[in-house]
Amino acid sequence: MAKTDARAGEKKVDDAACPMRDFVGLIAGKWAIPILYRLIVINGPVRFSELLRAVSPVTQKELTRQLRLFEQRGLVSRQVFAEVPPRVEYQITPLGLTLGDALGALADWMREYGSALKR
């Protein structure tokens, strides 16, 4: 529940009770949402280089970092094929697909109201 801070006269939200804080932590980073959204739209195996082009101008280093993080959290699966040269494919997991409605709603909001934002 919310607590009142007498010094500042503002309400403080109990961090443990705020799901938005956890959500923002999940999608933190400039490229997190575009990467997840692209994987959801593709909804199938995609090679690293193809994903890199699809989310351009993300750097290879940043894409790798985000994909590893999403894999650790169970949002993305990674499959390595024993070929020469090695082939790696990424795919959104069923858990990751559940973010589709939330990210789609954000995209819809930007399409409708983005032009009204002060820049």
PDB file of N, CA and C in Angstrom:
ATOM      1  N   MET A   1       0.834  -1.188   0.000  1.00  0.00           N
ATOM      2  CA  MET A   1       0.000   0.000   0.000  1.00  0.00           C
ATOM      3  C   MET A   1       0.876   1.248   0.000  1.00  0.00           C
ATOM      4  N   ALA A   2       0.300   2.378  -0.279  1.00  0.00           N
ATOM      5  CA  ALA A   2       1.038   3.628  -0.338  1.00  0.00           C
ATOM      6  C   ALA A   2       1.267   4.163   1.067  1.00  0.00           C
ATOM      7  N   LYS A   3       2.416   4.749   1.249  1.00  0.00           N
ATOM      8  CA  LYS A   3       2.766   5.369   2.524  1.00  0.00           C
ATOM      9  C   LYS A   3       2.961   6.856   2.285  1.00  0.00           C
ATOM     10  N   THR A   4       2.670   7.664   3.287  1.00  0.00           N
ATOM     11  CA  THR A   4       2.838   9.102   3.163  1.00  0.00           C
ATOM     12  C   THR A   4       4.126   9.527   3.844  1.00  0.00           C
ATOM     13  N   ASP A   5       4.915  10.317   3.152  1.00  0.00           N
ATOM     14  CA  ASP A   5       6.148  10.864   3.694  1.00  0.00           C
ATOM     15  C   ASP A   5       5.822  12.277   4.179  1.00  0.00           C
ATOM     16  N   ALA A   6       5.818  12.480   5.499  1.00  0.00           N
ATOM     17  CA  ALA A   6       5.423  13.759   6.086  1.00  0.00           C
ATOM     18  C   ALA A   6       6.355  14.885   5.652  1.00  0.00           C
ATOM     19  N   ARG A   7       7.638  14.583   5.437  1.00  0.00           N
ATOM     20  CA  ARG A   7       8.589  15.623   5.060  1.00  0.00           C
ATOM     21  C   ARG A   7       8.317  16.161   3.660  1.00  0.00           C
ATOM     22  N   ALA A   8       8.044  15.298   2.731  1.00  0.00           N
ATOM     23  CA  ALA A   8       7.865  15.734   1.350  1.00  0.00           C
ATOM     24  C   ALA A   8       6.397  15.963   1.004  1.00  0.00           C
ATOM     25  N   GLY A   9       5.497  15.446   1.840  1.00  0.00           N
ATOM     26  CA  GLY A   9       4.081  15.589   1.568  1.00  0.00           C
ATOM     27  C   GLY A   9       3.634  14.782   0.359  1.00  0.00           C
ATOM     28  N   GLU A  10       4.424  13.767  -0.023  1.00  0.00           N
ATOM     29  CA  GLU A  10       4.098  12.942  -1.172  1.00  0.00           C
ATOM     30  C   GLU A  10       3.885  11.507  -0.736  1.00  0.00           C
ATOM     31  N   LYS A  11       3.127  10.804  -1.542  1.00  0.00           N
ATOM     32  CA  LYS A  11       2.937   9.383  -1.276  1.00  0.00           C
ATOM     33  C   LYS A  11       4.097   8.610  -1.876  1.00  0.00           C
ATOM     34  N   LYS A  12       4.550   7.603  -1.160  1.00  0.00           N
ATOM     35  CA  LYS A  12       5.590   6.717  -1.669  1.00  0.00           C
ATOM     36  C   LYS A  12       4.955   5.364  -1.917  1.00  0.00           C
ATOM     37  N   VAL A  13       5.293   4.783  -3.019  1.00  0.00           N
ATOM     38  CA  VAL A  13       4.759   3.480  -3.369  1.00  0.00           C
ATOM     39  C   VAL A  13       5.717   2.416  -2.857  1.00  0.00           C
ATOM     40  N   ASP A  14       5.179   1.418  -2.201  1.00  0.00           N
ATOM     41  CA  ASP A  14       5.978   0.295  -1.741  1.00  0.00           C
ATOM     42  C   ASP A  14       6.530  -0.409  -2.974  1.00  0.00           C
ATOM     43  N   ASP A  15       7.861  -0.437  -3.111  1.00  0.00           N
ATOM     44  CA  ASP A  15       8.496  -1.002  -4.294  1.00  0.00           C
ATOM     45  C   ASP A  15       8.081  -2.446  -4.553  1.00  0.00           C
ATOM     46  N   ALA A  16       7.912  -3.225  -3.517  1.00  0.00           N
ATOM     47  CA  ALA A  16       7.565  -4.632  -3.692  1.00  0.00           C
ATOM     48  C   ALA A  16       6.162  -4.800  -4.255  1.00  0.00           C
ATOM     49  N   ALA A  17       5.309  -3.815  -4.093  1.00  0.00           N
ATOM     50  CA  ALA A  17       3.928  -3.921  -4.528  1.00  0.00           C
ATOM     51  C   ALA A  17       3.692  -3.264  -5.891  1.00  0.00           C
ATOM     52  N   CYS A  18       4.727  -2.828  -6.566  1.00  0.00           N
ATOM     53  CA  CYS A  18       4.558  -2.105  -7.820  1.00  0.00           C
ATOM     54  C   CYS A  18       4.993  -2.969  -9.006  1.00  0.00           C
ATOM     55  N   PRO A  19       4.039  -3.565  -9.707  1.00  0.00           N
ATOM     56  CA  PRO A  19       4.403  -4.411 -10.840  1.00  0.00           C
ATOM     57  C   PRO A  19       5.014  -3.619 -11.995  1.00  0.00           C
ATOM     58  N   MET A  20       4.720  -2.320 -12.080  1.00  0.00           N
ATOM     59  CA  MET A  20       5.285  -1.510 -13.160  1.00  0.00           C
ATOM     60  C   MET A  20       6.796  -1.374 -13.027  1.00  0.00           C
ATOM     61  N   ARG A  21       7.283  -1.337 -11.804  1.00  0.00           N
ATOM     62  CA  ARG A  21       8.736  -1.256 -11.610  1.00  0.00           C
ATOM     63  C   ARG A  21       9.410  -2.508 -12.167  1.00  0.00           C
ATOM     64  N   ASP A  22       8.822  -3.658 -11.902  1.00  0.00           N
ATOM     65  CA  ASP A  22       9.364  -4.906 -12.431  1.00  0.00           C
ATOM     66  C   ASP A  22       9.272  -4.940 -13.957  1.00  0.00           C
ATOM     67  N   PHE A  23       8.157  -4.452 -14.496  1.00  0.00           N
ATOM     68  CA  PHE A  23       7.968  -4.436 -15.943  1.00  0.00           C
ATOM     69  C   PHE A  23       8.997  -3.538 -16.615  1.00  0.00           C
ATOM     70  N   VAL A  24       9.199  -2.354 -16.051  1.00  0.00           N
ATOM     71  CA  VAL A  24      10.184  -1.433 -16.620  1.00  0.00           C
ATOM     72  C   VAL A  24      11.581  -2.065 -16.550  1.00  0.00           C
ATOM     73  N   GLY A  25      11.873  -2.778 -15.469  1.00  0.00           N
ATOM     74  CA  GLY A  25      13.149  -3.478 -15.376  1.00  0.00           C
ATOM     75  C   GLY A  25      13.294  -4.541 -16.453  1.00  0.00           C
ATOM     76  N   LEU A  26      12.200  -5.174 -16.797  1.00  0.00           N
ATOM     77  CA  LEU A  26      12.200  -6.218 -17.821  1.00  0.00           C
ATOM     78  C   LEU A  26      12.486  -5.646 -19.197  1.00  0.00           C
ATOM     79  N   ILE A  27      11.930  -4.487 -19.488  1.00  0.00           N
ATOM     80  CA  ILE A  27      12.067  -3.905 -20.820  1.00  0.00           C
ATOM     81  C   ILE A  27      13.003  -2.701 -20.842  1.00  0.00           C
ATOM     82  N   ALA A  28      13.820  -2.552 -19.808  1.00  0.00           N
ATOM     83  CA  ALA A  28      14.731  -1.412 -19.731  1.00  0.00           C
ATOM     84  C   ALA A  28      15.738  -1.476 -20.868  1.00  0.00           C
ATOM     85  N   GLY A  29      16.111  -0.355 -21.335  1.00  0.00           N
ATOM     86  CA  GLY A  29      17.084  -0.268 -22.406  1.00  0.00           C
ATOM     87  C   GLY A  29      16.416   0.210 -23.683  1.00  0.00           C
ATOM     88  N   LYS A  30      17.156   0.970 -24.425  1.00  0.00           N
ATOM     89  CA  LYS A  30      16.646   1.592 -25.648  1.00  0.00           C
ATOM     90  C   LYS A  30      16.136   0.567 -26.663  1.00  0.00           C
ATOM     91  N   TRP A  31      16.750  -0.608 -26.704  1.00  0.00           N
ATOM     92  CA  TRP A  31      16.439  -1.578 -27.752  1.00  0.00           C
ATOM     93  C   TRP A  31      15.583  -2.742 -27.290  1.00  0.00           C
ATOM     94  N   ALA A  32      15.273  -2.837 -26.018  1.00  0.00           N
ATOM     95  CA  ALA A  32      14.537  -3.993 -25.495  1.00  0.00           C
ATOM     96  C   ALA A  32      13.173  -4.151 -26.169  1.00  0.00           C
ATOM     97  N   ILE A  33      12.381  -3.117 -26.202  1.00  0.00           N
ATOM     98  CA  ILE A  33      11.042  -3.208 -26.778  1.00  0.00           C
ATOM     99  C   ILE A  33      11.092  -3.474 -28.281  1.00  0.00           C
ATOM    100  N   PRO A  34      11.912  -2.743 -29.055  1.00  0.00           N
ATOM    101  CA  PRO A  34      11.960  -3.055 -30.484  1.00  0.00           C
ATOM    102  C   PRO A  34      12.385  -4.497 -30.783  1.00  0.00           C
ATOM    103  N   ILE A  35      13.303  -5.037 -30.002  1.00  0.00           N
ATOM    104  CA  ILE A  35      13.750  -6.419 -30.214  1.00  0.00           C
ATOM    105  C   ILE A  35      12.622  -7.388 -29.891  1.00  0.00           C
ATOM    106  N   LEU A  36      12.021  -7.232 -28.729  1.00  0.00           N
ATOM    107  CA  LEU A  36      10.916  -8.120 -28.352  1.00  0.00           C
ATOM    108  C   LEU A  36       9.754  -8.010 -29.337  1.00  0.00           C
ATOM    109  N   TYR A  37       9.409  -6.796 -29.702  1.00  0.00           N
ATOM    110  CA  TYR A  37       8.282  -6.578 -30.610  1.00  0.00           C
ATOM    111  C   TYR A  37       8.542  -7.250 -31.959  1.00  0.00           C
ATOM    112  N   ARG A  38       9.763  -7.124 -32.475  1.00  0.00           N
ATOM    113  CA  ARG A  38      10.115  -7.744 -33.757  1.00  0.00           C
ATOM    114  C   ARG A  38      10.038  -9.264 -33.653  1.00  0.00           C
ATOM    115  N   LEU A  39      10.536  -9.833 -32.557  1.00  0.00           N
ATOM    116  CA  LEU A  39      10.468 -11.285 -32.370  1.00  0.00           C
ATOM    117  C   LEU A  39       9.018 -11.764 -32.272  1.00  0.00           C
ATOM    118  N   ILE A  40       8.176 -10.976 -31.634  1.00  0.00           N
ATOM    119  CA  ILE A  40       6.754 -11.329 -31.524  1.00  0.00           C
ATOM    120  C   ILE A  40       6.098 -11.282 -32.899  1.00  0.00           C
ATOM    121  N   VAL A  41       6.396 -10.253 -33.682  1.00  0.00           N
ATOM    122  CA  VAL A  41       5.816 -10.116 -35.018  1.00  0.00           C
ATOM    123  C   VAL A  41       6.278 -11.267 -35.917  1.00  0.00           C
ATOM    124  N   ILE A  42       7.546 -11.612 -35.860  1.00  0.00           N
ATOM    125  CA  ILE A  42       8.086 -12.713 -36.673  1.00  0.00           C
ATOM    126  C   ILE A  42       7.500 -14.041 -36.216  1.00  0.00           C
ATOM    127  N   ASN A  43       7.437 -14.251 -34.900  1.00  0.00           N
ATOM    128  CA  ASN A  43       6.882 -15.453 -34.278  1.00  0.00           C
ATOM    129  C   ASN A  43       7.360 -16.743 -34.941  1.00  0.00           C
ATOM    130  N   GLY A  44       8.647 -16.831 -35.125  1.00  0.00           N
ATOM    131  CA  GLY A  44       9.277 -18.020 -35.684  1.00  0.00           C
ATOM    132  C   GLY A  44      10.776 -17.880 -35.532  1.00  0.00           C
ATOM    133  N   PRO A  45      11.506 -18.925 -35.884  1.00  0.00           N
ATOM    134  CA  PRO A  45      12.967 -18.861 -35.767  1.00  0.00           C
ATOM    135  C   PRO A  45      13.546 -17.766 -36.657  1.00  0.00           C
ATOM    136  N   VAL A  46      14.505 -17.049 -36.145  1.00  0.00           N
ATOM    137  CA  VAL A  46      15.161 -15.986 -36.906  1.00  0.00           C
ATOM    138  C   VAL A  46      16.656 -16.005 -36.586  1.00  0.00           C
ATOM    139  N   ARG A  47      17.446 -15.886 -37.609  1.00  0.00           N
ATOM    140  CA  ARG A  47      18.897 -15.856 -37.430  1.00  0.00           C
ATOM    141  C   ARG A  47      19.321 -14.500 -36.883  1.00  0.00           C
ATOM    142  N   PHE A  48      20.454 -14.502 -36.193  1.00  0.00           N
ATOM    143  CA  PHE A  48      20.958 -13.293 -35.560  1.00  0.00           C
ATOM    144  C   PHE A  48      21.109 -12.163 -36.575  1.00  0.00           C
ATOM    145  N   SER A  49      21.736 -12.445 -37.712  1.00  0.00           N
ATOM    146  CA  SER A  49      21.997 -11.388 -38.703  1.00  0.00           C
ATOM    147  C   SER A  49      20.693 -10.815 -39.257  1.00  0.00           C
ATOM    148  N   GLU A  50      19.684 -11.654 -39.418  1.00  0.00           N
ATOM    149  CA  GLU A  50      18.383 -11.192 -39.895  1.00  0.00           C
ATOM    150  C   GLU A  50      17.723 -10.281 -38.865  1.00  0.00           C
ATOM    151  N   LEU A  51      17.822 -10.663 -37.602  1.00  0.00           N
ATOM    152  CA  LEU A  51      17.264  -9.842 -36.522  1.00  0.00           C
ATOM    153  C   LEU A  51      18.023  -8.528 -36.402  1.00  0.00           C
ATOM    154  N   LEU A  52      19.326  -8.576 -36.569  1.00  0.00           N
ATOM    155  CA  LEU A  52      20.150  -7.375 -36.522  1.00  0.00           C
ATOM    156  C   LEU A  52      19.694  -6.372 -37.590  1.00  0.00           C
ATOM    157  N   ARG A  53      19.422  -6.856 -38.783  1.00  0.00           N
ATOM    158  CA  ARG A  53      18.931  -5.973 -39.856  1.00  0.00           C
ATOM    159  C   ARG A  53      17.525  -5.457 -39.555  1.00  0.00           C
ATOM    160  N   ALA A  54      16.690  -6.314 -38.995  1.00  0.00           N
ATOM    161  CA  ALA A  54      15.295  -5.938 -38.716  1.00  0.00           C
ATOM    162  C   ALA A  54      15.176  -4.868 -37.645  1.00  0.00           C
ATOM    163  N   VAL A  55      16.142  -4.816 -36.729  1.00  0.00           N
ATOM    164  CA  VAL A  55      16.075  -3.866 -35.615  1.00  0.00           C
ATOM    165  C   VAL A  55      17.131  -2.770 -35.790  1.00  0.00           C
ATOM    166  N   SER A  56      17.631  -2.608 -36.986  1.00  0.00           N
ATOM    167  CA  SER A  56      18.638  -1.597 -37.280  1.00  0.00           C
ATOM    168  C   SER A  56      18.176  -0.223 -36.767  1.00  0.00           C
ATOM    169  N   PRO A  57      19.061   0.568 -36.227  1.00  0.00           N
ATOM    170  CA  PRO A  57      20.513   0.508 -36.208  1.00  0.00           C
ATOM    171  C   PRO A  57      21.103  -0.021 -34.901  1.00  0.00           C
ATOM    172  N   VAL A  58      20.485  -0.990 -34.251  1.00  0.00           N
ATOM    173  CA  VAL A  58      21.037  -1.565 -33.035  1.00  0.00           C
ATOM    174  C   VAL A  58      22.419  -2.151 -33.349  1.00  0.00           C
ATOM    175  N   THR A  59      23.325  -2.059 -32.388  1.00  0.00           N
ATOM    176  CA  THR A  59      24.653  -2.636 -32.595  1.00  0.00           C
ATOM    177  C   THR A  59      24.623  -4.137 -32.310  1.00  0.00           C
ATOM    178  N   GLN A  60      25.583  -4.834 -32.857  1.00  0.00           N
ATOM    179  CA  GLN A  60      25.698  -6.277 -32.636  1.00  0.00           C
ATOM    180  C   GLN A  60      25.880  -6.573 -31.148  1.00  0.00           C
ATOM    181  N   LYS A  61      26.680  -5.760 -30.484  1.00  0.00           N
ATOM    182  CA  LYS A  61      26.946  -5.942 -29.051  1.00  0.00           C
ATOM    183  C   LYS A  61      25.660  -5.778 -28.230  1.00  0.00           C
ATOM    184  N   GLU A  62      24.881  -4.754 -28.530  1.00  0.00           N
ATOM    185  CA  GLU A  62      23.642  -4.504 -27.780  1.00  0.00           C
ATOM    186  C   GLU A  62      22.602  -5.578 -28.054  1.00  0.00           C
ATOM    187  N   LEU A  63      22.485  -6.016 -29.297  1.00  0.00           N
ATOM    188  CA  LEU A  63      21.543  -7.079 -29.624  1.00  0.00           C
ATOM    189  C   LEU A  63      21.910  -8.362 -28.886  1.00  0.00           C
ATOM    190  N   THR A  64      23.186  -8.687 -28.869  1.00  0.00           N
ATOM    191  CA  THR A  64      23.656  -9.874 -28.141  1.00  0.00           C
ATOM    192  C   THR A  64      23.322  -9.770 -26.661  1.00  0.00           C
ATOM    193  N   ARG A  65      23.585  -8.608 -26.071  1.00  0.00           N
ATOM    194  CA  ARG A  65      23.323  -8.402 -24.643  1.00  0.00           C
ATOM    195  C   ARG A  65      21.841  -8.578 -24.326  1.00  0.00           C
ATOM    196  N   GLN A  66      20.985  -7.956 -25.126  1.00  0.00           N
ATOM    197  CA  GLN A  66      19.542  -8.042 -24.886  1.00  0.00           C
ATOM    198  C   GLN A  66      19.035  -9.468 -25.075  1.00  0.00           C
ATOM    199  N   LEU A  67      19.487 -10.148 -26.123  1.00  0.00           N
ATOM    200  CA  LEU A  67      19.032 -11.512 -26.375  1.00  0.00           C
ATOM    201  C   LEU A  67      19.441 -12.444 -25.231  1.00  0.00           C
ATOM    202  N   ARG A  68      20.645 -12.284 -24.716  1.00  0.00           N
ATOM    203  CA  ARG A  68      21.092 -13.103 -23.575  1.00  0.00           C
ATOM    204  C   ARG A  68      20.212 -12.856 -22.356  1.00  0.00           C
ATOM    205  N   LEU A  69      19.898 -11.601 -22.104  1.00  0.00           N
ATOM    206  CA  LEU A  69      19.045 -11.250 -20.977  1.00  0.00           C
ATOM    207  C   LEU A  69      17.645 -11.836 -21.148  1.00  0.00           C
ATOM    208  N   PHE A  70      17.080 -11.706 -22.336  1.00  0.00           N
ATOM    209  CA  PHE A  70      15.756 -12.267 -22.595  1.00  0.00           C
ATOM    210  C   PHE A  70      15.767 -13.789 -22.491  1.00  0.00           C
ATOM    211  N   GLU A  71      16.854 -14.399 -22.922  1.00  0.00           N
ATOM    212  CA  GLU A  71      16.971 -15.857 -22.812  1.00  0.00           C
ATOM    213  C   GLU A  71      17.014 -16.275 -21.341  1.00  0.00           C
ATOM    214  N   GLN A  72      17.772 -15.559 -20.523  1.00  0.00           N
ATOM    215  CA  GLN A  72      17.846 -15.854 -19.085  1.00  0.00           C
ATOM    216  C   GLN A  72      16.485 -15.724 -18.426  1.00  0.00           C
ATOM    217  N   ARG A  73      15.670 -14.803 -18.891  1.00  0.00           N
ATOM    218  CA  ARG A  73      14.351 -14.562 -18.288  1.00  0.00           C
ATOM    219  C   ARG A  73      13.258 -15.435 -18.888  1.00  0.00           C
ATOM    220  N   GLY A  74      13.605 -16.244 -19.874  1.00  0.00           N
ATOM    221  CA  GLY A  74      12.644 -17.166 -20.457  1.00  0.00           C
ATOM    222  C   GLY A  74      11.745 -16.563 -21.525  1.00  0.00           C
ATOM    223  N   LEU A  75      12.121 -15.396 -22.059  1.00  0.00           N
ATOM    224  CA  LEU A  75      11.312 -14.737 -23.080  1.00  0.00           C
ATOM    225  C   LEU A  75      11.717 -15.132 -24.497  1.00  0.00           C
ATOM    226  N   VAL A  76      12.958 -15.569 -24.644  1.00  0.00           N
ATOM    227  CA  VAL A  76      13.515 -15.919 -25.948  1.00  0.00           C
ATOM    228  C   VAL A  76      14.248 -17.246 -25.813  1.00  0.00           C
ATOM    229  N   SER A  77      14.124 -18.080 -26.841  1.00  0.00           N
ATOM    230  CA  SER A  77      14.907 -19.319 -26.867  1.00  0.00           C
ATOM    231  C   SER A  77      15.996 -19.185 -27.921  1.00  0.00           C
ATOM    232  N   ARG A  78      17.076 -19.887 -27.709  1.00  0.00           N
ATOM    233  CA  ARG A  78      18.234 -19.842 -28.602  1.00  0.00           C
ATOM    234  C   ARG A  78      18.579 -21.264 -28.994  1.00  0.00           C
ATOM    235  N   GLN A  79      18.729 -21.493 -30.288  1.00  0.00           N
ATOM    236  CA  GLN A  79      19.105 -22.825 -30.753  1.00  0.00           C
ATOM    237  C   GLN A  79      20.369 -22.700 -31.603  1.00  0.00           C
ATOM    238  N   VAL A  80      21.383 -23.494 -31.240  1.00  0.00           N
ATOM    239  CA  VAL A  80      22.649 -23.508 -31.959  1.00  0.00           C
ATOM    240  C   VAL A  80      22.701 -24.773 -32.799  1.00  0.00           C
ATOM    241  N   PHE A  81      23.012 -24.625 -34.078  1.00  0.00           N
ATOM    242  CA  PHE A  81      23.123 -25.751 -34.989  1.00  0.00           C
ATOM    243  C   PHE A  81      24.598 -26.059 -35.210  1.00  0.00           C
ATOM    244  N   ALA A  82      24.970 -27.320 -35.095  1.00  0.00           N
ATOM    245  CA  ALA A  82      26.368 -27.752 -35.253  1.00  0.00           C
ATOM    246  C   ALA A  82      26.706 -27.814 -36.739  1.00  0.00           C
ATOM    247  N   GLU A  83      26.915 -26.662 -37.305  1.00  0.00           N
ATOM    248  CA  GLU A  83      27.261 -26.540 -38.719  1.00  0.00           C
ATOM    249  C   GLU A  83      28.501 -25.679 -38.835  1.00  0.00           C
ATOM    250  N   VAL A  84      29.095 -25.703 -40.024  1.00  0.00           N
ATOM    251  CA  VAL A  84      30.225 -24.825 -40.298  1.00  0.00           C
ATOM    252  C   VAL A  84      29.818 -23.931 -41.455  1.00  0.00           C
ATOM    253  N   PRO A  85      29.740 -22.627 -41.264  1.00  0.00           N
ATOM    254  CA  PRO A  85      29.878 -21.916 -39.990  1.00  0.00           C
ATOM    255  C   PRO A  85      28.668 -22.182 -39.097  1.00  0.00           C
ATOM    256  N   PRO A  86      28.857 -21.984 -37.790  1.00  0.00           N
ATOM    257  CA  PRO A  86      27.756 -22.243 -36.853  1.00  0.00           C
ATOM    258  C   PRO A  86      26.547 -21.360 -37.168  1.00  0.00           C
ATOM    259  N   ARG A  87      25.373 -21.927 -36.996  1.00  0.00           N
ATOM    260  CA  ARG A  87      24.138 -21.182 -37.212  1.00  0.00           C
ATOM    261  C   ARG A  87      23.399 -21.109 -35.881  1.00  0.00           C
ATOM    262  N   VAL A  88      22.921 -19.913 -35.544  1.00  0.00           N
ATOM    263  CA  VAL A  88      22.176 -19.701 -34.305  1.00  0.00           C
ATOM    264  C   VAL A  88      20.850 -19.052 -34.671  1.00  0.00           C
ATOM    265  N   GLU A  89      19.772 -19.581 -34.104  1.00  0.00           N
ATOM    266  CA  GLU A  89      18.453 -19.008 -34.329  1.00  0.00           C
ATOM    267  C   GLU A  89      17.814 -18.660 -32.996  1.00  0.00           C
ATOM    268  N   TYR A  90      17.076 -17.564 -33.012  1.00  0.00           N
ATOM    269  CA  TYR A  90      16.358 -17.098 -31.831  1.00  0.00           C
ATOM    270  C   TYR A  90      14.873 -17.144 -32.137  1.00  0.00           C
ATOM    271  N   GLN A  91      14.086 -17.355 -31.086  1.00  0.00           N
ATOM    272  CA  GLN A  91      12.641 -17.377 -31.251  1.00  0.00           C
ATOM    273  C   GLN A  91      11.986 -16.927 -29.954  1.00  0.00           C
ATOM    274  N   ILE A  92      10.904 -16.193 -30.090  1.00  0.00           N
ATOM    275  CA  ILE A  92      10.134 -15.778 -28.915  1.00  0.00           C
ATOM    276  C   ILE A  92       9.513 -17.028 -28.298  1.00  0.00           C
ATOM    277  N   THR A  93       9.480 -17.101 -26.987  1.00  0.00           N
ATOM    278  CA  THR A  93       8.886 -18.246 -26.300  1.00  0.00           C
ATOM    279  C   THR A  93       7.392 -17.988 -26.080  1.00  0.00           C
ATOM    280  N   PRO A  94       6.653 -19.017 -25.676  1.00  0.00           N
ATOM    281  CA  PRO A  94       5.242 -18.781 -25.337  1.00  0.00           C
ATOM    282  C   PRO A  94       5.079 -17.698 -24.266  1.00  0.00           C
ATOM    283  N   LEU A  95       5.983 -17.670 -23.293  1.00  0.00           N
ATOM    284  CA  LEU A  95       5.929 -16.610 -22.274  1.00  0.00           C
ATOM    285  C   LEU A  95       6.159 -15.251 -22.919  1.00  0.00           C
ATOM    286  N   GLY A  96       7.136 -15.150 -23.801  1.00  0.00           N
ATOM    287  CA  GLY A  96       7.410 -13.895 -24.489  1.00  0.00           C
ATOM    288  C   GLY A  96       6.238 -13.433 -25.342  1.00  0.00           C
ATOM    289  N   LEU A  97       5.551 -14.385 -25.951  1.00  0.00           N
ATOM    290  CA  LEU A  97       4.381 -14.037 -26.774  1.00  0.00           C
ATOM    291  C   LEU A  97       3.282 -13.364 -25.959  1.00  0.00           C
ATOM    292  N   THR A  98       3.218 -13.648 -24.669  1.00  0.00           N
ATOM    293  CA  THR A  98       2.183 -13.035 -23.835  1.00  0.00           C
ATOM    294  C   THR A  98       2.382 -11.524 -23.705  1.00  0.00           C
ATOM    295  N   LEU A  99       3.561 -11.018 -24.056  1.00  0.00           N
ATOM    296  CA  LEU A  99       3.808  -9.575 -24.042  1.00  0.00           C
ATOM    297  C   LEU A  99       3.233  -8.890 -25.281  1.00  0.00           C
ATOM    298  N   GLY A 100       2.769  -9.659 -26.245  1.00  0.00           N
ATOM    299  CA  GLY A 100       2.282  -9.100 -27.501  1.00  0.00           C
ATOM    300  C   GLY A 100       1.180  -8.081 -27.335  1.00  0.00           C
ATOM    301  N   ASP A 101       0.194  -8.379 -26.507  1.00  0.00           N
ATOM    302  CA  ASP A 101      -0.915  -7.433 -26.312  1.00  0.00           C
ATOM    303  C   ASP A 101      -0.436  -6.129 -25.677  1.00  0.00           C
ATOM    304  N   ALA A 102       0.433  -6.244 -24.674  1.00  0.00           N
ATOM    305  CA  ALA A 102       0.932  -5.044 -23.980  1.00  0.00           C
ATOM    306  C   ALA A 102       1.776  -4.188 -24.929  1.00  0.00           C
ATOM    307  N   LEU A 103       2.675  -4.809 -25.675  1.00  0.00           N
ATOM    308  CA  LEU A 103       3.528  -4.043 -26.582  1.00  0.00           C
ATOM    309  C   LEU A 103       2.729  -3.517 -27.772  1.00  0.00           C
ATOM    310  N   GLY A 104       1.747  -4.288 -28.215  1.00  0.00           N
ATOM    311  CA  GLY A 104       0.870  -3.822 -29.292  1.00  0.00           C
ATOM    312  C   GLY A 104       0.083  -2.599 -28.866  1.00  0.00           C
ATOM    313  N   ALA A 105      -0.387  -2.594 -27.619  1.00  0.00           N
ATOM    314  CA  ALA A 105      -1.122  -1.436 -27.097  1.00  0.00           C
ATOM    315  C   ALA A 105      -0.215  -0.207 -27.042  1.00  0.00           C
ATOM    316  N   LEU A 106       1.041  -0.383 -26.663  1.00  0.00           N
ATOM    317  CA  LEU A 106       1.987   0.739 -26.646  1.00  0.00           C
ATOM    318  C   LEU A 106       2.213   1.272 -28.066  1.00  0.00           C
ATOM    319  N   ALA A 107       2.352   0.361 -29.023  1.00  0.00           N
ATOM    320  CA  ALA A 107       2.543   0.774 -30.416  1.00  0.00           C
ATOM    321  C   ALA A 107       1.305   1.530 -30.916  1.00  0.00           C
ATOM    322  N   ASP A 108       0.121   1.036 -30.583  1.00  0.00           N
ATOM    323  CA  ASP A 108      -1.117   1.713 -30.980  1.00  0.00           C
ATOM    324  C   ASP A 108      -1.196   3.113 -30.377  1.00  0.00           C
ATOM    325  N   TRP A 109      -0.818   3.230 -29.112  1.00  0.00           N
ATOM    326  CA  TRP A 109      -0.848   4.530 -28.439  1.00  0.00           C
ATOM    327  C   TRP A 109       0.085   5.511 -29.150  1.00  0.00           C
ATOM    328  N   MET A 110       1.295   5.037 -29.498  1.00  0.00           N
ATOM    329  CA  MET A 110       2.248   5.924 -30.176  1.00  0.00           C
ATOM    330  C   MET A 110       1.726   6.362 -31.543  1.00  0.00           C
ATOM    331  N   ARG A 111       1.090   5.440 -32.261  1.00  0.00           N
ATOM    332  CA  ARG A 111       0.529   5.808 -33.567  1.00  0.00           C
ATOM    333  C   ARG A 111      -0.552   6.884 -33.417  1.00  0.00           C
ATOM    334  N   GLU A 112      -1.342   6.765 -32.354  1.00  0.00           N
ATOM    335  CA  GLU A 112      -2.457   7.697 -32.170  1.00  0.00           C
ATOM    336  C   GLU A 112      -2.033   9.025 -31.550  1.00  0.00           C
ATOM    337  N   TYR A 113      -1.156   8.975 -30.577  1.00  0.00           N
ATOM    338  CA  TYR A 113      -0.840  10.176 -29.803  1.00  0.00           C
ATOM    339  C   TYR A 113       0.603  10.671 -29.944  1.00  0.00           C
ATOM    340  N   GLY A 114       1.447   9.916 -30.609  1.00  0.00           N
ATOM    341  CA  GLY A 114       2.868  10.280 -30.713  1.00  0.00           C
ATOM    342  C   GLY A 114       3.100  11.661 -31.282  1.00  0.00           C
ATOM    343  N   SER A 115       2.293  12.048 -32.244  1.00  0.00           N
ATOM    344  CA  SER A 115       2.487  13.370 -32.866  1.00  0.00           C
ATOM    345  C   SER A 115       2.138  14.510 -31.908  1.00  0.00           C
ATOM    346  N   ALA A 116       1.386  14.222 -30.843  1.00  0.00           N
ATOM    347  CA  ALA A 116       1.001  15.257 -29.879  1.00  0.00           C
ATOM    348  C   ALA A 116       2.065  15.470 -28.807  1.00  0.00           C
ATOM    349  N   LEU A 117       3.053  14.599 -28.741  1.00  0.00           N
ATOM    350  CA  LEU A 117       4.097  14.732 -27.721  1.00  0.00           C
ATOM    351  C   LEU A 117       4.966  15.940 -27.997  1.00  0.00           C
ATOM    352  N   LYS A 118       5.345  16.639 -26.949  1.00  0.00           N
ATOM    353  CA  LYS A 118       6.247  17.778 -27.083  1.00  0.00           C
ATOM    354  C   LYS A 118       7.657  17.246 -27.241  1.00  0.00           C
ATOM    355  N   ARG A 119       8.367  17.813 -28.156  1.00  0.00           N
ATOM    356  CA  ARG A 119       9.730  17.330 -28.454  1.00  0.00           C
ATOM    357  C   ARG A 119      10.750  18.359 -28.123  1.00  0.00           C
TER     358      ARG A 119
END
